[in-house]
Amino acid sequence: MEQSYKNCQSCGMPLKKSPNGGGTNADGTTSKMYCAYCYEKGQFTRPDWDATQMQSFVKDKMKEMGFPGFLAGFFTKGIPKLKRWS
């Protein structure tokens, strides 16, 4: 059984901010581990990325949303420690 998390274990986004509360598993159920942007139909949307690429992408998205660079860096520094990357 899939453990529940507060944040996506791929990008770190709060799952409550994800459309439908999370991505979708292969059986169509909602993932309690990954967000809708990272995980669809039981597969990662960017399977070829590593943790560093995800960090860079999320940091850029946060800056686009108006977060200062130092905050975006602070919030993304834990991405390599998330379940997907361990």
Foldseek 3Di string as FASTA:
>chain_A
DADADQAALAQGHGQVPAVVSAEADLVGDGHRHHGNQQHHNNHGPCVPDALVVSLVVQLVVVVVVPDDSVVSNVSSVCNCVGPVND
